[in-house]
Amino acid sequence: MGQQQTEVPRDPERIDATSDDEIRWWAKELGVSNVAILDAVEKVGSSVREVRRHLDQAMAGGQADA
């Protein structure tokens, strides 16, 4: 059978960067690309709070890829 689609992340405070389903879910939830999620996790860690802060700062700074 196919992979089960994640409806919500297992941990709402952490992003599991090893899970394609979670990356897609968070990208849709935060309105950014999968790459932007992975980049943010690499830079600030897996905390959703820190990832949101990083993405907000990137958007305010005019970075088109975030």
PDB file of N, CA and C in Angstrom:
ATOM      1  N   MET A   1       0.832  -1.185   0.000  1.00  0.00           N
ATOM      2  CA  MET A   1       0.000   0.000   0.000  1.00  0.00           C
ATOM      3  C   MET A   1       0.871   1.242   0.000  1.00  0.00           C
ATOM      4  N   GLY A   2       0.282   2.395  -0.332  1.00  0.00           N
ATOM      5  CA  GLY A   2       1.018   3.654  -0.371  1.00  0.00           C
ATOM      6  C   GLY A   2       1.296   4.190   1.020  1.00  0.00           C
ATOM      7  N   GLN A   3       2.103   5.228   1.048  1.00  0.00           N
ATOM      8  CA  GLN A   3       2.427   5.846   2.328  1.00  0.00           C
ATOM      9  C   GLN A   3       1.205   6.559   2.890  1.00  0.00           C
ATOM     10  N   GLN A   4       1.067   6.494   4.203  1.00  0.00           N
ATOM     11  CA  GLN A   4      -0.040   7.176   4.853  1.00  0.00           C
ATOM     12  C   GLN A   4       0.263   8.667   4.946  1.00  0.00           C
ATOM     13  N   GLN A   5      -0.681   9.498   4.549  1.00  0.00           N
ATOM     14  CA  GLN A   5      -0.523  10.950   4.596  1.00  0.00           C
ATOM     15  C   GLN A   5      -0.678  11.423   6.034  1.00  0.00           C
ATOM     16  N   THR A   6       0.240  12.241   6.498  1.00  0.00           N
ATOM     17  CA  THR A   6       0.153  12.797   7.834  1.00  0.00           C
ATOM     18  C   THR A   6      -0.882  13.908   7.847  1.00  0.00           C
ATOM     19  N   GLU A   7      -1.900  13.778   8.712  1.00  0.00           N
ATOM     20  CA  GLU A   7      -2.923  14.820   8.807  1.00  0.00           C
ATOM     21  C   GLU A   7      -2.422  15.966   9.675  1.00  0.00           C
ATOM     22  N   VAL A   8      -1.753  15.640  10.731  1.00  0.00           N
ATOM     23  CA  VAL A   8      -1.131  16.640  11.606  1.00  0.00           C
ATOM     24  C   VAL A   8       0.204  16.061  12.064  1.00  0.00           C
ATOM     25  N   PRO A   9       1.129  16.932  12.414  1.00  0.00           N
ATOM     26  CA  PRO A   9       2.418  16.409  12.862  1.00  0.00           C
ATOM     27  C   PRO A   9       2.283  15.639  14.175  1.00  0.00           C
ATOM     28  N   ARG A  10       3.177  14.684  14.376  1.00  0.00           N
ATOM     29  CA  ARG A  10       3.163  13.908  15.624  1.00  0.00           C
ATOM     30  C   ARG A  10       3.413  14.800  16.832  1.00  0.00           C
ATOM     31  N   ASP A  11       4.327  15.742  16.687  1.00  0.00           N
ATOM     32  CA  ASP A  11       4.651  16.676  17.762  1.00  0.00           C
ATOM     33  C   ASP A  11       4.406  18.084  17.232  1.00  0.00           C
ATOM     34  N   PRO A  12       3.388  18.774  17.724  1.00  0.00           N
ATOM     35  CA  PRO A  12       3.059  20.099  17.190  1.00  0.00           C
ATOM     36  C   PRO A  12       4.087  21.181  17.521  1.00  0.00           C
ATOM     37  N   GLU A  13       5.084  20.848  18.329  1.00  0.00           N
ATOM     38  CA  GLU A  13       6.114  21.831  18.681  1.00  0.00           C
ATOM     39  C   GLU A  13       7.447  21.572  17.987  1.00  0.00           C
ATOM     40  N   ARG A  14       7.560  20.459  17.269  1.00  0.00           N
ATOM     41  CA  ARG A  14       8.805  20.088  16.592  1.00  0.00           C
ATOM     42  C   ARG A  14       8.515  19.634  15.171  1.00  0.00           C
ATOM     43  N   ILE A  15       9.421  19.970  14.267  1.00  0.00           N
ATOM     44  CA  ILE A  15       9.308  19.534  12.874  1.00  0.00           C
ATOM     45  C   ILE A  15      10.268  18.374  12.666  1.00  0.00           C
ATOM     46  N   ASP A  16       9.732  17.244  12.221  1.00  0.00           N
ATOM     47  CA  ASP A  16      10.552  16.071  11.929  1.00  0.00           C
ATOM     48  C   ASP A  16      11.046  16.199  10.493  1.00  0.00           C
ATOM     49  N   ALA A  17      12.273  16.694  10.340  1.00  0.00           N
ATOM     50  CA  ALA A  17      12.832  16.941   9.011  1.00  0.00           C
ATOM     51  C   ALA A  17      13.156  15.652   8.264  1.00  0.00           C
ATOM     52  N   THR A  18      13.027  14.508   8.919  1.00  0.00           N
ATOM     53  CA  THR A  18      13.267  13.234   8.239  1.00  0.00           C
ATOM     54  C   THR A  18      11.983  12.666   7.640  1.00  0.00           C
ATOM     55  N   SER A  19      10.865  13.330   7.899  1.00  0.00           N
ATOM     56  CA  SER A  19       9.572  12.859   7.401  1.00  0.00           C
ATOM     57  C   SER A  19       9.091  13.749   6.256  1.00  0.00           C
ATOM     58  N   ASP A  20       9.016  13.181   5.059  1.00  0.00           N
ATOM     59  CA  ASP A  20       8.520  13.940   3.905  1.00  0.00           C
ATOM     60  C   ASP A  20       7.104  14.452   4.145  1.00  0.00           C
ATOM     61  N   ASP A  21       6.264  13.612   4.766  1.00  0.00           N
ATOM     62  CA  ASP A  21       4.889  14.027   5.039  1.00  0.00           C
ATOM     63  C   ASP A  21       4.851  15.239   5.954  1.00  0.00           C
ATOM     64  N   GLU A  22       5.681  15.240   6.999  1.00  0.00           N
ATOM     65  CA  GLU A  22       5.688  16.380   7.914  1.00  0.00           C
ATOM     66  C   GLU A  22       6.240  17.632   7.242  1.00  0.00           C
ATOM     67  N   ILE A  23       7.265  17.476   6.432  1.00  0.00           N
ATOM     68  CA  ILE A  23       7.806  18.632   5.712  1.00  0.00           C
ATOM     69  C   ILE A  23       6.722  19.238   4.834  1.00  0.00           C
ATOM     70  N   ARG A  24       6.013  18.400   4.091  1.00  0.00           N
ATOM     71  CA  ARG A  24       4.922  18.898   3.237  1.00  0.00           C
ATOM     72  C   ARG A  24       3.829  19.565   4.072  1.00  0.00           C
ATOM     73  N   TRP A  25       3.480  18.940   5.203  1.00  0.00           N
ATOM     74  CA  TRP A  25       2.422  19.479   6.057  1.00  0.00           C
ATOM     75  C   TRP A  25       2.815  20.853   6.585  1.00  0.00           C
ATOM     76  N   TRP A  26       4.041  20.973   7.109  1.00  0.00           N
ATOM     77  CA  TRP A  26       4.488  22.253   7.669  1.00  0.00           C
ATOM     78  C   TRP A  26       4.636  23.310   6.579  1.00  0.00           C
ATOM     79  N   ALA A  27       5.102  22.904   5.400  1.00  0.00           N
ATOM     80  CA  ALA A  27       5.227  23.861   4.297  1.00  0.00           C
ATOM     81  C   ALA A  27       3.858  24.445   3.954  1.00  0.00           C
ATOM     82  N   LYS A  28       2.853  23.591   3.862  1.00  0.00           N
ATOM     83  CA  LYS A  28       1.500  24.062   3.563  1.00  0.00           C
ATOM     84  C   LYS A  28       0.979  24.915   4.719  1.00  0.00           C
ATOM     85  N   GLU A  29       1.174  24.461   5.929  1.00  0.00           N
ATOM     86  CA  GLU A  29       0.690  25.185   7.118  1.00  0.00           C
ATOM     87  C   GLU A  29       1.298  26.580   7.227  1.00  0.00           C
ATOM     88  N   LEU A  30       2.590  26.693   6.908  1.00  0.00           N
ATOM     89  CA  LEU A  30       3.296  27.965   7.053  1.00  0.00           C
ATOM     90  C   LEU A  30       3.348  28.778   5.762  1.00  0.00           C
ATOM     91  N   GLY A  31       2.828  28.213   4.683  1.00  0.00           N
ATOM     92  CA  GLY A  31       2.754  28.950   3.422  1.00  0.00           C
ATOM     93  C   GLY A  31       4.094  29.170   2.745  1.00  0.00           C
ATOM     94  N   VAL A  32       4.984  28.186   2.867  1.00  0.00           N
ATOM     95  CA  VAL A  32       6.303  28.279   2.246  1.00  0.00           C
ATOM     96  C   VAL A  32       6.614  26.968   1.523  1.00  0.00           C
ATOM     97  N   SER A  33       7.745  26.936   0.856  1.00  0.00           N
ATOM     98  CA  SER A  33       8.143  25.722   0.138  1.00  0.00           C
ATOM     99  C   SER A  33       8.743  24.691   1.096  1.00  0.00           C
ATOM    100  N   ASN A  34       8.793  23.450   0.631  1.00  0.00           N
ATOM    101  CA  ASN A  34       9.453  22.383   1.393  1.00  0.00           C
ATOM    102  C   ASN A  34      10.910  22.748   1.651  1.00  0.00           C
ATOM    103  N   VAL A  35      11.552  23.321   0.649  1.00  0.00           N
ATOM    104  CA  VAL A  35      12.957  23.708   0.771  1.00  0.00           C
ATOM    105  C   VAL A  35      13.131  24.762   1.860  1.00  0.00           C
ATOM    106  N   ALA A  36      12.196  25.708   1.944  1.00  0.00           N
ATOM    107  CA  ALA A  36      12.274  26.747   2.973  1.00  0.00           C
ATOM    108  C   ALA A  36      12.170  26.135   4.365  1.00  0.00           C
ATOM    109  N   ILE A  37      11.310  25.126   4.532  1.00  0.00           N
ATOM    110  CA  ILE A  37      11.194  24.442   5.827  1.00  0.00           C
ATOM    111  C   ILE A  37      12.502  23.752   6.168  1.00  0.00           C
ATOM    112  N   LEU A  38      13.042  23.002   5.223  1.00  0.00           N
ATOM    113  CA  LEU A  38      14.298  22.284   5.474  1.00  0.00           C
ATOM    114  C   LEU A  38      15.442  23.250   5.768  1.00  0.00           C
ATOM    115  N   ASP A  39      15.499  24.348   5.044  1.00  0.00           N
ATOM    116  CA  ASP A  39      16.535  25.351   5.271  1.00  0.00           C
ATOM    117  C   ASP A  39      16.402  25.955   6.669  1.00  0.00           C
ATOM    118  N   ALA A  40      15.178  26.270   7.057  1.00  0.00           N
ATOM    119  CA  ALA A  40      14.950  26.856   8.378  1.00  0.00           C
ATOM    120  C   ALA A  40      15.322  25.877   9.483  1.00  0.00           C
ATOM    121  N   VAL A  41      14.945  24.624   9.336  1.00  0.00           N
ATOM    122  CA  VAL A  41      15.284  23.616  10.346  1.00  0.00           C
ATOM    123  C   VAL A  41      16.794  23.468  10.449  1.00  0.00           C
ATOM    124  N   GLU A  42      17.477  23.497   9.315  1.00  0.00           N
ATOM    125  CA  GLU A  42      18.935  23.393   9.320  1.00  0.00           C
ATOM    126  C   GLU A  42      19.565  24.576  10.058  1.00  0.00           C
ATOM    127  N   LYS A  43      18.985  25.762   9.891  1.00  0.00           N
ATOM    128  CA  LYS A  43      19.565  26.969  10.475  1.00  0.00           C
ATOM    129  C   LYS A  43      19.201  27.173  11.940  1.00  0.00           C
ATOM    130  N   VAL A  44      17.952  26.876  12.324  1.00  0.00           N
ATOM    131  CA  VAL A  44      17.512  27.212  13.685  1.00  0.00           C
ATOM    132  C   VAL A  44      17.044  26.022  14.511  1.00  0.00           C
ATOM    133  N   GLY A  45      17.059  24.833  13.920  1.00  0.00           N
ATOM    134  CA  GLY A  45      16.611  23.658  14.658  1.00  0.00           C
ATOM    135  C   GLY A  45      15.168  23.318  14.352  1.00  0.00           C
ATOM    136  N   SER A  46      14.644  22.321  15.047  1.00  0.00           N
ATOM    137  CA  SER A  46      13.330  21.772  14.710  1.00  0.00           C
ATOM    138  C   SER A  46      12.163  22.406  15.468  1.00  0.00           C
ATOM    139  N   SER A  47      12.424  23.351  16.336  1.00  0.00           N
ATOM    140  CA  SER A  47      11.351  24.017  17.073  1.00  0.00           C
ATOM    141  C   SER A  47      10.458  24.806  16.111  1.00  0.00           C
ATOM    142  N   VAL A  48       9.157  24.520  16.152  1.00  0.00           N
ATOM    143  CA  VAL A  48       8.217  25.231  15.288  1.00  0.00           C
ATOM    144  C   VAL A  48       8.274  26.727  15.575  1.00  0.00           C
ATOM    145  N   ARG A  49       8.376  27.092  16.831  1.00  0.00           N
ATOM    146  CA  ARG A  49       8.441  28.506  17.209  1.00  0.00           C
ATOM    147  C   ARG A  49       9.643  29.186  16.545  1.00  0.00           C
ATOM    148  N   GLU A  50      10.802  28.557  16.602  1.00  0.00           N
ATOM    149  CA  GLU A  50      12.009  29.142  16.011  1.00  0.00           C
ATOM    150  C   GLU A  50      11.943  29.154  14.486  1.00  0.00           C
ATOM    151  N   VAL A  51      11.374  28.105  13.908  1.00  0.00           N
ATOM    152  CA  VAL A  51      11.217  28.057  12.450  1.00  0.00           C
ATOM    153  C   VAL A  51      10.284  29.171  11.991  1.00  0.00           C
ATOM    154  N   ARG A  52       9.162  29.352  12.689  1.00  0.00           N
ATOM    155  CA  ARG A  52       8.234  30.445  12.341  1.00  0.00           C
ATOM    156  C   ARG A  52       8.950  31.796  12.429  1.00  0.00           C
ATOM    157  N   ARG A  53       9.692  31.996  13.503  1.00  0.00           N
ATOM    158  CA  ARG A  53      10.408  33.264  13.692  1.00  0.00           C
ATOM    159  C   ARG A  53      11.402  33.479  12.548  1.00  0.00           C
ATOM    160  N   HIS A  54      12.139  32.449  12.206  1.00  0.00           N
ATOM    161  CA  HIS A  54      13.119  32.541  11.123  1.00  0.00           C
ATOM    162  C   HIS A  54      12.431  32.877   9.799  1.00  0.00           C
ATOM    163  N   LEU A  55      11.338  32.192   9.505  1.00  0.00           N
ATOM    164  CA  LEU A  55      10.628  32.435   8.249  1.00  0.00           C
ATOM    165  C   LEU A  55      10.023  33.836   8.219  1.00  0.00           C
ATOM    166  N   ASP A  56       9.476  34.288   9.348  1.00  0.00           N
ATOM    167  CA  ASP A  56       8.933  35.650   9.416  1.00  0.00           C
ATOM    168  C   ASP A  56      10.023  36.681   9.151  1.00  0.00           C
ATOM    169  N   GLN A  57      11.198  36.473   9.734  1.00  0.00           N
ATOM    170  CA  GLN A  57      12.308  37.392   9.531  1.00  0.00           C
ATOM    171  C   GLN A  57      12.768  37.359   8.069  1.00  0.00           C
ATOM    172  N   ALA A  58      12.798  36.181   7.489  1.00  0.00           N
ATOM    173  CA  ALA A  58      13.204  36.046   6.089  1.00  0.00           C
ATOM    174  C   ALA A  58      12.209  36.758   5.175  1.00  0.00           C
ATOM    175  N   MET A  59      10.919  36.638   5.471  1.00  0.00           N
ATOM    176  CA  MET A  59       9.888  37.292   4.664  1.00  0.00           C
ATOM    177  C   MET A  59      10.010  38.810   4.822  1.00  0.00           C
ATOM    178  N   ALA A  60      10.221  39.271   6.033  1.00  0.00           N
ATOM    179  CA  ALA A  60      10.358  40.712   6.280  1.00  0.00           C
ATOM    180  C   ALA A  60      11.592  41.267   5.594  1.00  0.00           C
ATOM    181  N   GLY A  61      12.613  40.419   5.468  1.00  0.00           N
ATOM    182  CA  GLY A  61      13.846  40.848   4.818  1.00  0.00           C
ATOM    183  C   GLY A  61      13.784  40.758   3.313  1.00  0.00           C
ATOM    184  N   GLY A  62      12.670  40.236   2.786  1.00  0.00           N
ATOM    185  CA  GLY A  62      12.478  40.189   1.348  1.00  0.00           C
ATOM    186  C   GLY A  62      13.150  39.026   0.654  1.00  0.00           C
ATOM    187  N   GLN A  63      13.473  37.969   1.387  1.00  0.00           N
ATOM    188  CA  GLN A  63      14.086  36.802   0.758  1.00  0.00           C
ATOM    189  C   GLN A  63      13.003  36.003   0.065  1.00  0.00           C
ATOM    190  N   ALA A  64      13.091  35.926  -1.236  1.00  0.00           N
ATOM    191  CA  ALA A  64      12.047  35.318  -2.043  1.00  0.00           C
ATOM    192  C   ALA A  64      11.935  33.821  -1.845  1.00  0.00           C
ATOM    193  N   ASP A  65      12.999  33.131  -1.435  1.00  0.00           N
ATOM    194  CA  ASP A  65      12.962  31.676  -1.338  1.00  0.00           C
ATOM    195  C   ASP A  65      12.384  31.181  -0.034  1.00  0.00           C
ATOM    196  N   ALA A  66      12.030  32.035   0.879  1.00  0.00           N
ATOM    197  CA  ALA A  66      11.503  31.607   2.181  1.00  0.00           C
ATOM    198  C   ALA A  66      10.011  31.470   2.184  1.00  0.00           C
TER     199      ALA A  66
END
